[in-house]
Amino acid sequence: MIKKILSGAFCISLFTFSYAGERPSTITTAVEVQPFQQIPKTVIIKTKKFKIRIDKQPNGKYLYQSWAANAKITSKPSMIISDGELIPDGSGGNYYFRFLNNGYTYEVWRNYLTDSASKAPYTLSVTDDNDKEIVNQDGVVVKQ
């Protein structure tokens, strides 16, 4: 009987000492992942056929304006689309802007991480309401 009591006391003291050094687990909160590059408030890109300006609006949405490639950006835009959104693409910093206009989806992709060193920094993609791509043009930064 004494052996059982001593054995029980020994086990309790052993467990007490082994757990005495442990610290309580801390609760972690979600951390916002920042891309490697800052997203500009305004960017102007030029593709083969278009000049495109994208501006962040005070409400957090984005504004898309486009002109013919040879037009001056100070002239009236040929197209204006408001309420665009920024969509992150993966964890490497790529993202794209999406704008919806009369059944068409305009996406301007920012290509930070690509499989080719010669890939343009931006790509314009326009699809119709059947998800058929009707425009796909690479673009370079005119002003950021």
C-alpha atoms as a PDB file:
ATOM      1  CA  MET A   1       0.000   0.000   0.000  1.00  0.00           C
ATOM      2  CA  ILE A   2       2.809   2.380   0.874  1.00  0.00           C
ATOM      3  CA  LYS A   3       4.505   1.497  -2.419  1.00  0.00           C
ATOM      4  CA  LYS A   4       1.357   2.583  -4.330  1.00  0.00           C
ATOM      5  CA  ILE A   5       1.127   5.886  -2.443  1.00  0.00           C
ATOM      6  CA  LEU A   6       4.816   6.622  -2.933  1.00  0.00           C
ATOM      7  CA  SER A   7       4.601   5.615  -6.579  1.00  0.00           C
ATOM      8  CA  GLY A   8       1.577   7.893  -7.097  1.00  0.00           C
ATOM      9  CA  ALA A   9       3.289  10.812  -5.340  1.00  0.00           C
ATOM     10  CA  PHE A  10       6.417  10.262  -7.441  1.00  0.00           C
ATOM     11  CA  CYS A  11       4.395  10.262 -10.680  1.00  0.00           C
ATOM     12  CA  ILE A  12       2.527  13.419  -9.703  1.00  0.00           C
ATOM     13  CA  SER A  13       5.754  15.235  -8.854  1.00  0.00           C
ATOM     14  CA  LEU A  14       7.379  14.016 -12.070  1.00  0.00           C
ATOM     15  CA  PHE A  15       4.485  15.326 -14.209  1.00  0.00           C
ATOM     16  CA  THR A  16       4.401  18.577 -12.261  1.00  0.00           C
ATOM     17  CA  PHE A  17       8.082  19.252 -12.890  1.00  0.00           C
ATOM     18  CA  SER A  18       7.932  18.230 -16.527  1.00  0.00           C
ATOM     19  CA  TYR A  19       5.066  20.625 -17.293  1.00  0.00           C
ATOM     20  CA  ALA A  20       6.345  23.459 -15.097  1.00  0.00           C
ATOM     21  CA  GLY A  21       8.626  24.779 -17.855  1.00  0.00           C
ATOM     22  CA  GLU A  22       5.921  24.911 -20.525  1.00  0.00           C
ATOM     23  CA  ARG A  23       4.421  28.208 -21.487  1.00  0.00           C
ATOM     24  CA  PRO A  24       0.807  28.662 -22.363  1.00  0.00           C
ATOM     25  CA  SER A  25       0.149  28.707 -26.075  1.00  0.00           C
ATOM     26  CA  THR A  26      -0.385  32.132 -27.572  1.00  0.00           C
ATOM     27  CA  ILE A  27      -3.285  32.923 -29.817  1.00  0.00           C
ATOM     28  CA  THR A  28      -2.229  34.175 -33.215  1.00  0.00           C
ATOM     29  CA  THR A  29      -4.310  36.481 -35.317  1.00  0.00           C
ATOM     30  CA  ALA A  30      -4.549  36.671 -39.074  1.00  0.00           C
ATOM     31  CA  VAL A  31      -1.856  38.830 -40.605  1.00  0.00           C
ATOM     32  CA  GLU A  32      -2.512  40.714 -43.817  1.00  0.00           C
ATOM     33  CA  VAL A  33      -0.095  39.523 -46.483  1.00  0.00           C
ATOM     34  CA  GLN A  34       1.554  42.392 -48.306  1.00  0.00           C
ATOM     35  CA  PRO A  35       2.694  41.911 -51.899  1.00  0.00           C
ATOM     36  CA  PHE A  36       6.355  42.363 -52.730  1.00  0.00           C
ATOM     37  CA  GLN A  37       5.555  45.515 -54.678  1.00  0.00           C
ATOM     38  CA  GLN A  38       3.304  48.414 -53.768  1.00  0.00           C
ATOM     39  CA  ILE A  39       0.118  48.761 -55.798  1.00  0.00           C
ATOM     40  CA  PRO A  40       0.168  52.216 -57.381  1.00  0.00           C
ATOM     41  CA  LYS A  41      -2.770  54.592 -56.923  1.00  0.00           C
ATOM     42  CA  THR A  42      -2.501  55.474 -60.611  1.00  0.00           C
ATOM     43  CA  VAL A  43      -0.929  53.536 -63.446  1.00  0.00           C
ATOM     44  CA  ILE A  44      -0.891  54.285 -67.170  1.00  0.00           C
ATOM     45  CA  ILE A  45      -0.027  51.471 -69.534  1.00  0.00           C
ATOM     46  CA  LYS A  46       0.200  51.230 -73.292  1.00  0.00           C
ATOM     47  CA  THR A  47      -0.657  48.158 -75.345  1.00  0.00           C
ATOM     48  CA  LYS A  48      -0.477  47.737 -79.106  1.00  0.00           C
ATOM     49  CA  LYS A  49      -3.897  49.365 -79.605  1.00  0.00           C
ATOM     50  CA  PHE A  50      -4.739  51.170 -76.341  1.00  0.00           C
ATOM     51  CA  LYS A  51      -3.571  53.509 -73.623  1.00  0.00           C
ATOM     52  CA  ILE A  52      -5.144  52.607 -70.305  1.00  0.00           C
ATOM     53  CA  ARG A  53      -5.218  54.587 -67.092  1.00  0.00           C
ATOM     54  CA  ILE A  54      -6.301  52.941 -63.838  1.00  0.00           C
ATOM     55  CA  ASP A  55      -6.921  55.111 -60.775  1.00  0.00           C
ATOM     56  CA  LYS A  56      -7.817  54.143 -57.224  1.00  0.00           C
ATOM     57  CA  GLN A  57     -10.933  56.039 -56.154  1.00  0.00           C
ATOM     58  CA  PRO A  58     -11.664  57.373 -52.635  1.00  0.00           C
ATOM     59  CA  ASN A  59     -14.226  54.575 -52.123  1.00  0.00           C
ATOM     60  CA  GLY A  60     -11.507  51.931 -52.628  1.00  0.00           C
ATOM     61  CA  LYS A  61     -12.767  50.906 -56.079  1.00  0.00           C
ATOM     62  CA  TYR A  62     -10.834  51.481 -59.328  1.00  0.00           C
ATOM     63  CA  LEU A  63     -11.566  53.583 -62.408  1.00  0.00           C
ATOM     64  CA  TYR A  64     -10.621  52.372 -65.921  1.00  0.00           C
ATOM     65  CA  GLN A  65     -10.140  54.862 -68.740  1.00  0.00           C
ATOM     66  CA  SER A  66      -8.892  54.010 -72.224  1.00  0.00           C
ATOM     67  CA  TRP A  67      -7.852  55.789 -75.391  1.00  0.00           C
ATOM     68  CA  ALA A  68      -6.547  54.717 -78.779  1.00  0.00           C
ATOM     69  CA  ALA A  69      -2.804  54.013 -78.620  1.00  0.00           C
ATOM     70  CA  ASN A  70      -1.934  57.131 -80.634  1.00  0.00           C
ATOM     71  CA  ALA A  71      -4.334  59.482 -78.745  1.00  0.00           C
ATOM     72  CA  LYS A  72      -3.232  61.947 -76.115  1.00  0.00           C
ATOM     73  CA  ILE A  73      -4.184  61.039 -72.586  1.00  0.00           C
ATOM     74  CA  THR A  74      -5.345  64.624 -72.004  1.00  0.00           C
ATOM     75  CA  SER A  75      -8.143  64.103 -74.546  1.00  0.00           C
ATOM     76  CA  LYS A  76     -11.548  62.645 -73.678  1.00  0.00           C
ATOM     77  CA  PRO A  77     -11.324  58.884 -73.031  1.00  0.00           C
ATOM     78  CA  SER A  78     -13.062  56.555 -75.468  1.00  0.00           C
ATOM     79  CA  MET A  79     -14.184  54.355 -72.565  1.00  0.00           C
ATOM     80  CA  ILE A  80     -14.679  54.867 -68.833  1.00  0.00           C
ATOM     81  CA  ILE A  81     -15.582  52.035 -66.449  1.00  0.00           C
ATOM     82  CA  SER A  82     -16.012  52.639 -62.738  1.00  0.00           C
ATOM     83  CA  ASP A  83     -16.272  50.341 -59.713  1.00  0.00           C
ATOM     84  CA  GLY A  84     -13.422  48.036 -60.677  1.00  0.00           C
ATOM     85  CA  GLU A  85     -11.826  45.786 -58.111  1.00  0.00           C
ATOM     86  CA  LEU A  86      -8.305  44.664 -57.301  1.00  0.00           C
ATOM     87  CA  ILE A  87      -7.902  40.895 -57.056  1.00  0.00           C
ATOM     88  CA  PRO A  88      -4.700  39.353 -55.622  1.00  0.00           C
ATOM     89  CA  ASP A  89      -3.374  36.368 -57.561  1.00  0.00           C
ATOM     90  CA  GLY A  90      -1.281  34.039 -55.448  1.00  0.00           C
ATOM     91  CA  SER A  91       1.254  35.005 -52.804  1.00  0.00           C
ATOM     92  CA  GLY A  92       4.046  36.302 -55.045  1.00  0.00           C
ATOM     93  CA  GLY A  93       2.653  39.776 -55.614  1.00  0.00           C
ATOM     94  CA  ASN A  94       0.743  39.250 -58.864  1.00  0.00           C
ATOM     95  CA  TYR A  95      -2.695  40.813 -59.043  1.00  0.00           C
ATOM     96  CA  TYR A  96      -5.226  42.055 -61.557  1.00  0.00           C
ATOM     97  CA  PHE A  97      -7.880  44.711 -61.875  1.00  0.00           C
ATOM     98  CA  ARG A  98     -11.346  43.563 -62.985  1.00  0.00           C
ATOM     99  CA  PHE A  99     -13.921  45.846 -64.604  1.00  0.00           C
ATOM    100  CA  LEU A 100     -17.388  44.852 -65.844  1.00  0.00           C
ATOM    101  CA  ASN A 101     -19.056  46.751 -68.698  1.00  0.00           C
ATOM    102  CA  ASN A 102     -22.134  45.703 -70.715  1.00  0.00           C
ATOM    103  CA  GLY A 103     -21.428  41.960 -70.546  1.00  0.00           C
ATOM    104  CA  TYR A 104     -17.695  42.358 -71.136  1.00  0.00           C
ATOM    105  CA  THR A 105     -15.012  41.740 -68.540  1.00  0.00           C
ATOM    106  CA  TYR A 106     -11.863  43.833 -68.711  1.00  0.00           C
ATOM    107  CA  GLU A 107      -8.893  42.525 -66.746  1.00  0.00           C
ATOM    108  CA  VAL A 108      -5.546  44.226 -66.460  1.00  0.00           C
ATOM    109  CA  TRP A 109      -3.018  41.772 -65.046  1.00  0.00           C
ATOM    110  CA  ARG A 110       0.154  42.818 -63.228  1.00  0.00           C
ATOM    111  CA  ASN A 111       2.824  40.225 -63.988  1.00  0.00           C
ATOM    112  CA  TYR A 112       5.480  40.256 -61.255  1.00  0.00           C
ATOM    113  CA  LEU A 113       6.194  36.551 -61.257  1.00  0.00           C
ATOM    114  CA  THR A 114       6.243  34.930 -64.667  1.00  0.00           C
ATOM    115  CA  ASP A 115       7.876  31.975 -66.342  1.00  0.00           C
ATOM    116  CA  SER A 116       9.681  34.298 -68.777  1.00  0.00           C
ATOM    117  CA  ALA A 117      12.018  37.213 -68.172  1.00  0.00           C
ATOM    118  CA  SER A 118      10.723  38.867 -71.350  1.00  0.00           C
ATOM    119  CA  LYS A 119       7.064  38.884 -70.195  1.00  0.00           C
ATOM    120  CA  ALA A 120       5.511  42.361 -70.274  1.00  0.00           C
ATOM    121  CA  PRO A 121       4.716  43.928 -66.890  1.00  0.00           C
ATOM    122  CA  TYR A 122       0.971  44.212 -67.686  1.00  0.00           C
ATOM    123  CA  THR A 123      -1.522  42.289 -69.810  1.00  0.00           C
ATOM    124  CA  LEU A 124      -4.958  43.464 -70.948  1.00  0.00           C
ATOM    125  CA  SER A 125      -7.541  40.723 -71.362  1.00  0.00           C
ATOM    126  CA  VAL A 126     -11.125  41.345 -72.525  1.00  0.00           C
ATOM    127  CA  THR A 127     -13.728  38.572 -72.547  1.00  0.00           C
ATOM    128  CA  ASP A 128     -17.362  38.606 -73.637  1.00  0.00           C
ATOM    129  CA  ASP A 129     -20.327  37.276 -71.659  1.00  0.00           C
ATOM    130  CA  ASN A 130     -19.583  33.733 -72.952  1.00  0.00           C
ATOM    131  CA  ASP A 131     -16.033  33.897 -71.530  1.00  0.00           C
ATOM    132  CA  LYS A 132     -14.591  34.074 -75.038  1.00  0.00           C
ATOM    133  CA  GLU A 133     -11.406  36.121 -75.047  1.00  0.00           C
ATOM    134  CA  ILE A 134     -11.624  38.876 -77.646  1.00  0.00           C
ATOM    135  CA  VAL A 135      -8.536  40.919 -76.693  1.00  0.00           C
ATOM    136  CA  ASN A 136      -5.222  39.846 -75.173  1.00  0.00           C
ATOM    137  CA  GLN A 137      -2.441  42.427 -75.394  1.00  0.00           C
ATOM    138  CA  ASP A 138       0.715  42.957 -73.394  1.00  0.00           C
ATOM    139  CA  GLY A 139       1.356  46.412 -72.057  1.00  0.00           C
ATOM    140  CA  VAL A 140       4.227  48.504 -70.807  1.00  0.00           C
ATOM    141  CA  VAL A 141       4.155  51.178 -68.118  1.00  0.00           C
ATOM    142  CA  VAL A 142       3.966  54.725 -69.423  1.00  0.00           C
ATOM    143  CA  LYS A 143       3.601  56.343 -65.988  1.00  0.00           C
ATOM    144  CA  GLN A 144       3.224  55.010 -62.494  1.00  0.00           C
END
